N, C-alpha and C. Protein backbone atom coordinates (compact mmCIF):
# COMPACT_ATOMS: atom_id res chain seq x y z
N MET A 1 2.28 -79.02 -56.73
CA MET A 1 3.34 -79.90 -57.17
C MET A 1 4.70 -79.23 -57.09
N ALA A 2 4.74 -77.91 -57.15
CA ALA A 2 6.03 -77.21 -57.17
C ALA A 2 6.75 -77.41 -55.85
N ALA A 3 8.04 -77.52 -55.92
CA ALA A 3 8.87 -77.66 -54.73
C ALA A 3 9.92 -76.57 -54.76
N ASP A 4 10.27 -76.03 -53.59
CA ASP A 4 11.21 -74.92 -53.53
C ASP A 4 12.58 -75.27 -54.08
N ASN A 5 12.97 -76.52 -54.02
CA ASN A 5 14.33 -76.89 -54.41
C ASN A 5 14.42 -77.51 -55.80
N ASN A 6 13.34 -77.55 -56.54
CA ASN A 6 13.46 -78.20 -57.83
C ASN A 6 14.26 -77.33 -58.80
N GLU A 7 14.66 -77.94 -59.88
CA GLU A 7 15.54 -77.30 -60.87
C GLU A 7 14.97 -75.99 -61.40
N LEU A 8 13.68 -75.95 -61.66
CA LEU A 8 13.08 -74.76 -62.25
C LEU A 8 12.95 -73.62 -61.25
N GLN A 9 12.68 -73.93 -60.00
CA GLN A 9 12.63 -72.89 -58.98
C GLN A 9 14.02 -72.29 -58.76
N LYS A 10 15.01 -73.15 -58.78
CA LYS A 10 16.39 -72.67 -58.65
C LYS A 10 16.75 -71.78 -59.83
N TRP A 11 16.35 -72.18 -61.04
CA TRP A 11 16.63 -71.38 -62.22
C TRP A 11 15.98 -70.01 -62.09
N PHE A 12 14.71 -69.97 -61.66
CA PHE A 12 14.02 -68.69 -61.50
C PHE A 12 14.77 -67.82 -60.50
N SER A 13 15.12 -68.38 -59.37
CA SER A 13 15.82 -67.61 -58.33
C SER A 13 17.13 -67.03 -58.82
N GLU A 14 17.86 -67.79 -59.62
CA GLU A 14 19.15 -67.34 -60.12
C GLU A 14 19.03 -66.29 -61.22
N ASN A 15 17.87 -66.21 -61.88
CA ASN A 15 17.71 -65.32 -63.02
C ASN A 15 16.70 -64.20 -62.79
N GLN A 16 16.12 -64.16 -61.63
CA GLN A 16 15.09 -63.15 -61.37
C GLN A 16 15.69 -61.77 -61.15
N GLU A 17 14.85 -60.79 -61.40
CA GLU A 17 15.15 -59.41 -61.07
C GLU A 17 13.98 -58.91 -60.23
N ASN A 18 14.21 -57.84 -59.51
CA ASN A 18 13.12 -57.25 -58.73
C ASN A 18 12.63 -56.01 -59.44
N GLU A 19 11.32 -55.98 -59.69
CA GLU A 19 10.70 -54.83 -60.33
C GLU A 19 9.52 -54.42 -59.49
N ASP A 20 9.61 -53.24 -58.92
CA ASP A 20 8.54 -52.73 -58.06
C ASP A 20 8.20 -53.73 -56.95
N GLY A 21 9.23 -54.35 -56.37
CA GLY A 21 9.04 -55.29 -55.28
C GLY A 21 8.56 -56.67 -55.69
N ARG A 22 8.49 -56.92 -57.00
CA ARG A 22 8.04 -58.22 -57.49
C ARG A 22 9.22 -58.97 -58.10
N ALA A 23 9.27 -60.27 -57.85
CA ALA A 23 10.29 -61.11 -58.47
C ALA A 23 9.83 -61.45 -59.88
N VAL A 24 10.63 -61.07 -60.88
CA VAL A 24 10.24 -61.30 -62.28
C VAL A 24 11.44 -61.77 -63.10
N ILE A 25 11.12 -62.50 -64.14
CA ILE A 25 12.09 -62.79 -65.19
C ILE A 25 11.83 -61.75 -66.28
N MET A 26 12.85 -60.98 -66.59
CA MET A 26 12.74 -59.93 -67.61
C MET A 26 13.10 -60.53 -68.97
N PRO A 27 12.92 -59.77 -70.06
CA PRO A 27 13.18 -60.32 -71.39
C PRO A 27 14.55 -60.98 -71.58
N GLU A 28 15.60 -60.41 -71.01
CA GLU A 28 16.92 -61.03 -71.16
C GLU A 28 16.96 -62.40 -70.48
N GLY A 29 16.36 -62.49 -69.31
CA GLY A 29 16.30 -63.77 -68.60
C GLY A 29 15.41 -64.77 -69.31
N PHE A 30 14.32 -64.28 -69.89
CA PHE A 30 13.43 -65.15 -70.64
C PHE A 30 14.15 -65.72 -71.86
N GLU A 31 14.95 -64.89 -72.50
CA GLU A 31 15.73 -65.38 -73.64
C GLU A 31 16.73 -66.45 -73.20
N ARG A 32 17.34 -66.27 -72.02
CA ARG A 32 18.25 -67.29 -71.49
C ARG A 32 17.51 -68.60 -71.23
N LEU A 33 16.28 -68.50 -70.73
CA LEU A 33 15.47 -69.69 -70.49
C LEU A 33 15.20 -70.41 -71.80
N CYS A 34 14.83 -69.66 -72.83
CA CYS A 34 14.55 -70.27 -74.14
C CYS A 34 15.80 -70.94 -74.69
N GLU A 35 16.94 -70.30 -74.53
CA GLU A 35 18.21 -70.89 -74.99
C GLU A 35 18.51 -72.17 -74.23
N ALA A 36 18.27 -72.16 -72.90
CA ALA A 36 18.52 -73.35 -72.09
C ALA A 36 17.61 -74.51 -72.51
N LEU A 37 16.42 -74.18 -73.01
CA LEU A 37 15.48 -75.20 -73.46
C LEU A 37 15.72 -75.60 -74.91
N GLY A 38 16.62 -74.88 -75.60
CA GLY A 38 16.91 -75.18 -77.00
C GLY A 38 15.86 -74.62 -77.96
N PHE A 39 15.15 -73.58 -77.55
CA PHE A 39 14.13 -72.96 -78.40
C PHE A 39 14.72 -71.83 -79.22
N ASP A 40 14.42 -71.82 -80.50
CA ASP A 40 14.81 -70.74 -81.40
C ASP A 40 13.92 -69.54 -81.09
N MET A 41 14.51 -68.38 -80.83
CA MET A 41 13.73 -67.20 -80.48
C MET A 41 12.83 -66.74 -81.62
N ASP A 42 13.07 -67.21 -82.82
CA ASP A 42 12.23 -66.85 -83.96
C ASP A 42 11.11 -67.85 -84.20
N GLY A 43 10.98 -68.85 -83.33
CA GLY A 43 9.96 -69.88 -83.48
C GLY A 43 8.75 -69.63 -82.59
N ILE A 44 7.80 -70.52 -82.66
CA ILE A 44 6.58 -70.41 -81.86
C ILE A 44 6.82 -70.80 -80.40
N GLU A 45 7.83 -71.62 -80.15
CA GLU A 45 8.04 -72.15 -78.80
C GLU A 45 8.18 -71.07 -77.73
N PRO A 46 8.97 -70.01 -77.93
CA PRO A 46 9.05 -68.98 -76.89
C PRO A 46 7.70 -68.33 -76.58
N MET A 47 6.86 -68.15 -77.60
CA MET A 47 5.55 -67.54 -77.37
C MET A 47 4.65 -68.49 -76.58
N VAL A 48 4.72 -69.78 -76.89
CA VAL A 48 3.93 -70.76 -76.15
C VAL A 48 4.44 -70.85 -74.71
N LEU A 49 5.75 -70.84 -74.54
CA LEU A 49 6.33 -70.87 -73.20
C LEU A 49 5.87 -69.66 -72.39
N LEU A 50 5.92 -68.49 -72.97
CA LEU A 50 5.48 -67.28 -72.29
C LEU A 50 4.02 -67.40 -71.85
N TRP A 51 3.20 -67.90 -72.76
CA TRP A 51 1.78 -68.07 -72.47
C TRP A 51 1.56 -69.11 -71.37
N ARG A 52 2.25 -70.23 -71.46
CA ARG A 52 2.08 -71.30 -70.45
C ARG A 52 2.57 -70.88 -69.07
N LEU A 53 3.53 -69.92 -69.04
CA LEU A 53 4.04 -69.41 -67.76
C LEU A 53 3.31 -68.13 -67.33
N ASN A 54 2.19 -67.86 -67.99
CA ASN A 54 1.35 -66.72 -67.62
C ASN A 54 2.10 -65.40 -67.66
N GLY A 55 2.89 -65.22 -68.72
CA GLY A 55 3.65 -63.98 -68.87
C GLY A 55 2.75 -62.76 -68.78
N VAL A 56 3.29 -61.69 -68.19
CA VAL A 56 2.52 -60.47 -68.02
C VAL A 56 2.67 -59.54 -69.22
N GLU A 57 3.80 -59.64 -69.90
CA GLU A 57 4.02 -58.91 -71.14
C GLU A 57 5.12 -59.64 -71.90
N LEU A 58 5.42 -59.19 -73.08
CA LEU A 58 6.37 -59.89 -73.94
C LEU A 58 7.71 -60.10 -73.21
N GLY A 59 8.05 -61.36 -72.99
CA GLY A 59 9.33 -61.71 -72.38
C GLY A 59 9.41 -61.53 -70.87
N THR A 60 8.30 -61.24 -70.22
CA THR A 60 8.31 -60.96 -68.78
C THR A 60 7.37 -61.90 -68.04
N VAL A 61 7.92 -62.60 -67.05
CA VAL A 61 7.14 -63.57 -66.27
C VAL A 61 7.34 -63.27 -64.79
N GLU A 62 6.24 -63.07 -64.09
CA GLU A 62 6.29 -62.87 -62.63
C GLU A 62 6.35 -64.23 -61.95
N HIS A 63 6.88 -64.23 -60.73
CA HIS A 63 7.04 -65.50 -60.00
C HIS A 63 5.71 -66.21 -59.80
N GLU A 64 4.66 -65.46 -59.51
CA GLU A 64 3.34 -66.08 -59.30
C GLU A 64 2.87 -66.81 -60.57
N GLY A 65 3.05 -66.18 -61.73
CA GLY A 65 2.67 -66.81 -62.99
C GLY A 65 3.54 -68.02 -63.29
N TRP A 66 4.82 -67.92 -62.96
CA TRP A 66 5.77 -69.01 -63.12
C TRP A 66 5.29 -70.23 -62.33
N GLU A 67 5.02 -70.01 -61.05
CA GLU A 67 4.55 -71.09 -60.16
C GLU A 67 3.26 -71.72 -60.69
N LYS A 68 2.30 -70.86 -61.03
CA LYS A 68 1.01 -71.35 -61.52
C LYS A 68 1.19 -72.15 -62.80
N GLY A 69 2.00 -71.63 -63.73
CA GLY A 69 2.22 -72.32 -65.00
C GLY A 69 2.88 -73.67 -64.82
N LEU A 70 3.91 -73.72 -63.97
CA LEU A 70 4.59 -75.00 -63.72
C LEU A 70 3.64 -76.01 -63.11
N ASN A 71 2.82 -75.55 -62.17
CA ASN A 71 1.85 -76.44 -61.54
C ASN A 71 0.83 -76.96 -62.55
N GLU A 72 0.32 -76.05 -63.40
CA GLU A 72 -0.67 -76.46 -64.41
C GLU A 72 -0.08 -77.46 -65.40
N MET A 73 1.18 -77.28 -65.73
CA MET A 73 1.83 -78.20 -66.67
C MET A 73 2.33 -79.46 -65.97
N GLY A 74 2.47 -79.41 -64.65
CA GLY A 74 2.96 -80.56 -63.90
C GLY A 74 4.42 -80.87 -64.16
N VAL A 75 5.24 -79.83 -64.31
CA VAL A 75 6.66 -80.05 -64.61
C VAL A 75 7.53 -79.59 -63.46
N ARG A 76 8.71 -80.23 -63.35
CA ARG A 76 9.65 -79.90 -62.27
C ARG A 76 11.08 -79.72 -62.77
N ASP A 77 11.30 -79.96 -64.07
CA ASP A 77 12.67 -79.83 -64.57
C ASP A 77 12.64 -79.32 -66.01
N MET A 78 13.82 -78.96 -66.51
CA MET A 78 13.93 -78.40 -67.86
C MET A 78 13.41 -79.36 -68.94
N PRO A 79 13.79 -80.63 -68.92
CA PRO A 79 13.25 -81.53 -69.95
C PRO A 79 11.72 -81.61 -69.92
N GLY A 80 11.14 -81.59 -68.72
CA GLY A 80 9.69 -81.64 -68.61
C GLY A 80 9.04 -80.37 -69.14
N LEU A 81 9.68 -79.23 -68.90
CA LEU A 81 9.16 -77.96 -69.40
C LEU A 81 9.21 -77.92 -70.92
N LYS A 82 10.31 -78.38 -71.48
CA LYS A 82 10.44 -78.42 -72.94
C LYS A 82 9.36 -79.33 -73.54
N ARG A 83 9.16 -80.50 -72.96
CA ARG A 83 8.12 -81.42 -73.45
C ARG A 83 6.73 -80.81 -73.35
N ALA A 84 6.47 -80.11 -72.25
CA ALA A 84 5.15 -79.50 -72.06
C ALA A 84 4.86 -78.46 -73.15
N VAL A 85 5.86 -77.66 -73.50
CA VAL A 85 5.68 -76.67 -74.56
C VAL A 85 5.46 -77.37 -75.90
N GLU A 86 6.29 -78.36 -76.20
CA GLU A 86 6.15 -79.10 -77.46
C GLU A 86 4.79 -79.81 -77.54
N ASN A 87 4.34 -80.37 -76.43
CA ASN A 87 3.03 -81.04 -76.41
C ASN A 87 1.88 -80.05 -76.59
N THR A 88 2.05 -78.84 -76.06
CA THR A 88 1.03 -77.81 -76.24
C THR A 88 0.89 -77.47 -77.73
N ILE A 89 2.00 -77.35 -78.41
CA ILE A 89 1.97 -77.03 -79.85
C ILE A 89 1.28 -78.15 -80.63
N ILE A 90 1.54 -79.39 -80.27
CA ILE A 90 0.86 -80.52 -80.90
C ILE A 90 -0.63 -80.46 -80.59
N GLU A 91 -0.96 -80.13 -79.36
CA GLU A 91 -2.37 -80.09 -78.93
C GLU A 91 -3.15 -78.99 -79.66
N PHE A 92 -2.48 -77.93 -80.08
CA PHE A 92 -3.16 -76.87 -80.84
C PHE A 92 -3.90 -77.44 -82.05
N LYS A 93 -3.30 -78.44 -82.70
CA LYS A 93 -3.91 -79.02 -83.90
C LYS A 93 -5.18 -79.81 -83.58
N ARG A 94 -5.23 -80.37 -82.37
CA ARG A 94 -6.38 -81.18 -81.97
C ARG A 94 -7.44 -80.38 -81.23
N ASN A 95 -7.03 -79.26 -80.66
CA ASN A 95 -7.93 -78.51 -79.79
C ASN A 95 -7.99 -77.05 -80.24
N PRO A 96 -8.92 -76.72 -81.14
CA PRO A 96 -9.01 -75.35 -81.64
C PRO A 96 -9.25 -74.30 -80.56
N GLU A 97 -9.94 -74.67 -79.50
CA GLU A 97 -10.19 -73.70 -78.42
C GLU A 97 -8.91 -73.36 -77.66
N LEU A 98 -8.03 -74.33 -77.51
CA LEU A 98 -6.75 -74.08 -76.86
C LEU A 98 -5.93 -73.11 -77.71
N PHE A 99 -5.88 -73.36 -79.02
CA PHE A 99 -5.15 -72.45 -79.90
C PHE A 99 -5.78 -71.06 -79.89
N LYS A 100 -7.09 -71.00 -79.85
CA LYS A 100 -7.79 -69.71 -79.82
C LYS A 100 -7.39 -68.91 -78.58
N ALA A 101 -7.30 -69.55 -77.43
CA ALA A 101 -6.89 -68.87 -76.19
C ALA A 101 -5.47 -68.34 -76.33
N PHE A 102 -4.58 -69.16 -76.88
CA PHE A 102 -3.20 -68.74 -77.11
C PHE A 102 -3.15 -67.56 -78.09
N TYR A 103 -3.83 -67.69 -79.21
CA TYR A 103 -3.83 -66.67 -80.25
C TYR A 103 -4.34 -65.33 -79.70
N ARG A 104 -5.40 -65.37 -78.94
CA ARG A 104 -5.96 -64.14 -78.38
C ARG A 104 -4.98 -63.47 -77.41
N LYS A 105 -4.28 -64.27 -76.61
CA LYS A 105 -3.33 -63.69 -75.66
C LYS A 105 -2.14 -63.06 -76.38
N MET A 106 -1.81 -63.57 -77.56
CA MET A 106 -0.70 -62.99 -78.31
C MET A 106 -0.94 -61.51 -78.60
N PHE A 107 -2.19 -61.13 -78.82
CA PHE A 107 -2.50 -59.72 -79.05
C PHE A 107 -2.02 -58.88 -77.87
N ASP A 108 -2.31 -59.33 -76.66
CA ASP A 108 -1.90 -58.58 -75.46
C ASP A 108 -0.38 -58.50 -75.36
N TYR A 109 0.29 -59.58 -75.68
CA TYR A 109 1.76 -59.57 -75.60
C TYR A 109 2.38 -58.62 -76.62
N LEU A 110 1.75 -58.48 -77.77
CA LEU A 110 2.34 -57.68 -78.84
C LEU A 110 2.03 -56.19 -78.75
N ARG A 111 1.07 -55.82 -77.93
CA ARG A 111 0.77 -54.39 -77.77
C ARG A 111 1.95 -53.70 -77.11
N GLN A 112 2.29 -52.53 -77.61
CA GLN A 112 3.38 -51.76 -77.03
C GLN A 112 2.82 -50.68 -76.12
N ASP A 113 3.38 -50.56 -74.94
CA ASP A 113 2.99 -49.51 -74.00
C ASP A 113 1.49 -49.45 -73.77
N LYS A 114 0.88 -50.62 -73.67
CA LYS A 114 -0.56 -50.74 -73.36
C LYS A 114 -1.46 -50.06 -74.41
N GLN A 115 -0.97 -49.96 -75.63
CA GLN A 115 -1.78 -49.43 -76.72
C GLN A 115 -3.00 -50.33 -76.93
N LYS A 116 -4.00 -49.81 -77.62
CA LYS A 116 -5.21 -50.58 -77.88
C LYS A 116 -5.07 -51.44 -79.13
N SER A 117 -3.97 -51.30 -79.82
CA SER A 117 -3.77 -52.04 -81.06
C SER A 117 -2.34 -52.58 -81.13
N VAL A 118 -2.13 -53.43 -82.12
CA VAL A 118 -0.82 -54.00 -82.39
C VAL A 118 -0.31 -53.36 -83.68
N THR A 119 0.96 -53.04 -83.73
CA THR A 119 1.47 -52.46 -84.97
C THR A 119 1.42 -53.50 -86.08
N ALA A 120 1.16 -53.04 -87.28
CA ALA A 120 1.14 -53.94 -88.44
C ALA A 120 2.50 -54.60 -88.59
N GLU A 121 3.55 -53.90 -88.26
CA GLU A 121 4.91 -54.45 -88.35
C GLU A 121 5.05 -55.68 -87.45
N TYR A 122 4.56 -55.60 -86.21
CA TYR A 122 4.60 -56.75 -85.31
C TYR A 122 3.75 -57.89 -85.86
N ALA A 123 2.58 -57.56 -86.36
CA ALA A 123 1.68 -58.60 -86.90
C ALA A 123 2.34 -59.32 -88.06
N VAL A 124 3.00 -58.57 -88.95
CA VAL A 124 3.68 -59.18 -90.09
C VAL A 124 4.76 -60.15 -89.62
N ALA A 125 5.47 -59.79 -88.56
CA ALA A 125 6.55 -60.63 -88.05
C ALA A 125 6.03 -61.86 -87.31
N VAL A 126 4.95 -61.72 -86.57
CA VAL A 126 4.51 -62.77 -85.65
C VAL A 126 3.46 -63.71 -86.24
N LEU A 127 2.53 -63.21 -87.02
CA LEU A 127 1.44 -64.06 -87.52
C LEU A 127 1.93 -65.32 -88.21
N PRO A 128 2.87 -65.24 -89.15
CA PRO A 128 3.32 -66.48 -89.81
C PRO A 128 3.99 -67.47 -88.85
N VAL A 129 4.57 -66.96 -87.76
CA VAL A 129 5.26 -67.83 -86.80
C VAL A 129 4.26 -68.58 -85.93
N ILE A 130 3.29 -67.87 -85.40
CA ILE A 130 2.35 -68.52 -84.47
C ILE A 130 1.23 -69.26 -85.16
N THR A 131 1.11 -69.07 -86.47
CA THR A 131 0.03 -69.72 -87.21
C THR A 131 0.56 -70.48 -88.41
N SER A 132 1.71 -71.10 -88.29
CA SER A 132 2.32 -71.78 -89.43
C SER A 132 1.35 -72.79 -90.04
N ASN A 133 1.44 -72.93 -91.32
CA ASN A 133 0.59 -73.83 -92.10
C ASN A 133 -0.87 -73.39 -92.15
N MET A 134 -1.14 -72.15 -91.86
CA MET A 134 -2.49 -71.60 -91.99
C MET A 134 -2.39 -70.49 -93.03
N TRP A 135 -2.74 -70.81 -94.25
CA TRP A 135 -2.47 -69.95 -95.39
C TRP A 135 -3.06 -68.55 -95.28
N VAL A 136 -4.21 -68.39 -94.62
CA VAL A 136 -4.82 -67.06 -94.54
C VAL A 136 -3.91 -66.09 -93.79
N PHE A 137 -3.30 -66.56 -92.74
CA PHE A 137 -2.42 -65.69 -91.96
C PHE A 137 -1.20 -65.26 -92.77
N GLU A 138 -0.65 -66.19 -93.51
CA GLU A 138 0.51 -65.86 -94.35
C GLU A 138 0.14 -64.83 -95.41
N ARG A 139 -1.01 -65.02 -96.05
CA ARG A 139 -1.47 -64.07 -97.07
C ARG A 139 -1.82 -62.72 -96.43
N PHE A 140 -2.41 -62.75 -95.24
CA PHE A 140 -2.76 -61.51 -94.56
C PHE A 140 -1.50 -60.73 -94.18
N ALA A 141 -0.48 -61.44 -93.74
CA ALA A 141 0.80 -60.78 -93.43
C ALA A 141 1.39 -60.15 -94.70
N GLU A 142 1.28 -60.83 -95.82
CA GLU A 142 1.74 -60.27 -97.09
C GLU A 142 0.94 -59.02 -97.45
N PHE A 143 -0.37 -59.07 -97.23
CA PHE A 143 -1.24 -57.92 -97.47
C PHE A 143 -0.82 -56.73 -96.61
N LEU A 144 -0.57 -56.98 -95.33
CA LEU A 144 -0.14 -55.89 -94.44
C LEU A 144 1.18 -55.28 -94.92
N LYS A 145 2.10 -56.15 -95.30
CA LYS A 145 3.40 -55.66 -95.78
C LYS A 145 3.24 -54.85 -97.07
N ALA A 146 2.40 -55.30 -97.96
CA ALA A 146 2.17 -54.59 -99.23
C ALA A 146 1.48 -53.25 -99.01
N ASN A 147 0.81 -53.11 -97.88
CA ASN A 147 0.07 -51.88 -97.58
C ASN A 147 0.63 -51.15 -96.35
N GLU A 148 1.92 -51.32 -96.11
CA GLU A 148 2.53 -50.76 -94.91
C GLU A 148 2.45 -49.23 -94.84
N ASP A 149 2.27 -48.58 -95.97
CA ASP A 149 2.16 -47.11 -95.95
C ASP A 149 0.80 -46.65 -95.44
N THR A 150 -0.22 -47.49 -95.55
CA THR A 150 -1.56 -47.09 -95.14
C THR A 150 -2.10 -47.84 -93.93
N ILE A 151 -1.65 -49.06 -93.71
CA ILE A 151 -2.13 -49.83 -92.56
C ILE A 151 -1.01 -49.87 -91.52
N LYS A 152 -1.24 -49.18 -90.43
CA LYS A 152 -0.22 -49.06 -89.38
C LYS A 152 -0.48 -49.95 -88.17
N THR A 153 -1.76 -50.25 -87.91
CA THR A 153 -2.10 -51.02 -86.71
C THR A 153 -3.22 -52.02 -87.00
N ILE A 154 -3.35 -52.98 -86.09
CA ILE A 154 -4.41 -53.98 -86.11
C ILE A 154 -5.14 -53.87 -84.77
N SER A 155 -6.44 -53.69 -84.81
CA SER A 155 -7.22 -53.60 -83.57
C SER A 155 -7.46 -55.00 -83.00
N ARG A 156 -7.91 -55.04 -81.76
CA ARG A 156 -8.24 -56.33 -81.13
C ARG A 156 -9.34 -57.03 -81.92
N ASP A 157 -10.35 -56.30 -82.35
CA ASP A 157 -11.44 -56.90 -83.12
C ASP A 157 -10.92 -57.50 -84.42
N GLN A 158 -10.05 -56.79 -85.12
CA GLN A 158 -9.48 -57.32 -86.36
C GLN A 158 -8.64 -58.56 -86.09
N TRP A 159 -7.82 -58.52 -85.04
CA TRP A 159 -6.97 -59.64 -84.67
C TRP A 159 -7.81 -60.89 -84.38
N GLN A 160 -8.84 -60.72 -83.56
CA GLN A 160 -9.67 -61.86 -83.18
C GLN A 160 -10.52 -62.36 -84.35
N SER A 161 -11.01 -61.44 -85.15
CA SER A 161 -11.81 -61.83 -86.31
C SER A 161 -10.97 -62.56 -87.36
N LEU A 162 -9.69 -62.25 -87.41
CA LEU A 162 -8.82 -62.90 -88.38
C LEU A 162 -8.77 -64.41 -88.16
N LEU A 163 -8.80 -64.84 -86.92
CA LEU A 163 -8.80 -66.28 -86.64
C LEU A 163 -10.08 -66.92 -87.17
N ALA A 164 -11.21 -66.28 -86.95
CA ALA A 164 -12.48 -66.81 -87.48
C ALA A 164 -12.46 -66.84 -89.01
N LEU A 165 -11.92 -65.80 -89.62
CA LEU A 165 -11.80 -65.76 -91.07
C LEU A 165 -10.94 -66.91 -91.57
N ALA A 166 -9.81 -67.12 -90.91
CA ALA A 166 -8.88 -68.18 -91.32
C ALA A 166 -9.53 -69.56 -91.23
N ARG A 167 -10.38 -69.75 -90.27
CA ARG A 167 -11.03 -71.05 -90.09
C ARG A 167 -12.17 -71.28 -91.09
N ASN A 168 -12.67 -70.22 -91.69
CA ASN A 168 -13.85 -70.35 -92.54
C ASN A 168 -13.62 -70.06 -94.01
N LEU A 169 -12.56 -69.37 -94.35
CA LEU A 169 -12.36 -68.92 -95.72
C LEU A 169 -11.79 -70.02 -96.60
N ARG A 170 -12.42 -70.22 -97.75
CA ARG A 170 -11.91 -71.18 -98.73
C ARG A 170 -10.67 -70.61 -99.41
N PRO A 171 -9.80 -71.46 -99.91
CA PRO A 171 -8.58 -70.98 -100.57
C PRO A 171 -8.84 -70.02 -101.73
N ASP A 172 -9.95 -70.19 -102.44
CA ASP A 172 -10.24 -69.26 -103.54
C ASP A 172 -11.03 -68.03 -103.05
N MET A 173 -11.34 -67.99 -101.77
CA MET A 173 -12.05 -66.90 -101.09
C MET A 173 -13.46 -66.67 -101.64
N SER A 174 -13.98 -67.63 -102.36
CA SER A 174 -15.30 -67.49 -102.98
C SER A 174 -16.43 -67.41 -101.96
N ASN A 175 -16.20 -67.85 -100.74
CA ASN A 175 -17.26 -67.81 -99.74
C ASN A 175 -17.22 -66.54 -98.89
N TYR A 176 -16.33 -65.62 -99.22
CA TYR A 176 -16.27 -64.35 -98.49
C TYR A 176 -17.35 -63.42 -99.01
N SER A 177 -18.05 -62.76 -98.11
CA SER A 177 -19.08 -61.80 -98.51
C SER A 177 -18.86 -60.50 -97.76
N LYS A 178 -18.82 -59.42 -98.49
CA LYS A 178 -18.69 -58.10 -97.88
C LYS A 178 -19.93 -57.73 -97.08
N ASP A 179 -21.01 -58.46 -97.30
CA ASP A 179 -22.25 -58.20 -96.55
C ASP A 179 -22.20 -58.80 -95.15
N ASP A 180 -21.26 -59.71 -94.92
CA ASP A 180 -21.10 -60.28 -93.59
C ASP A 180 -20.46 -59.23 -92.67
N ALA A 181 -20.44 -59.50 -91.39
CA ALA A 181 -19.99 -58.52 -90.41
C ALA A 181 -18.48 -58.56 -90.16
N TRP A 182 -17.69 -58.72 -91.20
CA TRP A 182 -16.24 -58.71 -91.06
C TRP A 182 -15.72 -57.28 -90.95
N PRO A 183 -14.59 -57.08 -90.29
CA PRO A 183 -13.98 -55.74 -90.31
C PRO A 183 -13.72 -55.32 -91.77
N THR A 184 -13.87 -54.04 -92.06
CA THR A 184 -13.71 -53.57 -93.44
C THR A 184 -12.32 -53.83 -93.98
N MET A 185 -11.33 -53.92 -93.13
CA MET A 185 -9.98 -54.25 -93.59
C MET A 185 -9.96 -55.59 -94.34
N PHE A 186 -10.83 -56.51 -93.94
CA PHE A 186 -10.88 -57.81 -94.60
C PHE A 186 -11.43 -57.71 -96.02
N ASP A 187 -12.35 -56.75 -96.23
CA ASP A 187 -12.82 -56.50 -97.60
C ASP A 187 -11.63 -56.13 -98.49
N ASP A 188 -10.81 -55.22 -97.97
CA ASP A 188 -9.62 -54.79 -98.73
C ASP A 188 -8.65 -55.95 -98.93
N PHE A 189 -8.50 -56.77 -97.91
CA PHE A 189 -7.61 -57.93 -97.99
C PHE A 189 -8.07 -58.89 -99.10
N VAL A 190 -9.35 -59.22 -99.11
CA VAL A 190 -9.88 -60.15 -100.12
C VAL A 190 -9.77 -59.54 -101.51
N ASP A 191 -10.07 -58.24 -101.65
CA ASP A 191 -9.91 -57.58 -102.94
C ASP A 191 -8.46 -57.67 -103.41
N TRP A 192 -7.53 -57.42 -102.51
CA TRP A 192 -6.10 -57.47 -102.82
C TRP A 192 -5.68 -58.88 -103.22
N ALA A 193 -6.13 -59.87 -102.43
CA ALA A 193 -5.71 -61.26 -102.63
C ALA A 193 -6.31 -61.88 -103.89
N THR A 194 -7.46 -61.38 -104.32
CA THR A 194 -8.11 -61.98 -105.49
C THR A 194 -7.92 -61.15 -106.76
N ALA A 195 -7.18 -60.06 -106.65
CA ALA A 195 -6.95 -59.20 -107.84
C ALA A 195 -6.04 -59.87 -108.84
């Protein structure tokens, strides 16, 4: 569906940089794109946009991912791209597997220098944004902040398990069992939250 002369291809061409022979939008250009779409950089929309455009790392989109993302969304202009991102966010509520794919990719975007984990500081900043209205994530971010002296990172297993915990845990946490196969950090979280 993509055409060489459409508005979005022109935007990419005007804002691309070359990195190791590849045409890419770097973080500064990605921020300009978000501004052009009217997205608040502190909201979920930039993260969804990055994911839908197959970003390779935080704020960085290669031309191949750009093309593939636009084709998958079926968009050719800025208003269509904005609608596609907004519709994806709405679809998260109806399609848990779609949200799960997005949530899992966020871990990769948040890793610094290809580390195996995400800093607790990043998790505290991002979890409430990408999981708004999901109380477990908000409480978990509070737990991380309260324990910032001892908890420095979140592993991939902890990150992915947190989504399962959020989907299953009752507000009073009475259905949590330390005998289940949860990461031990969650035992500490539940102890902290129910103290």
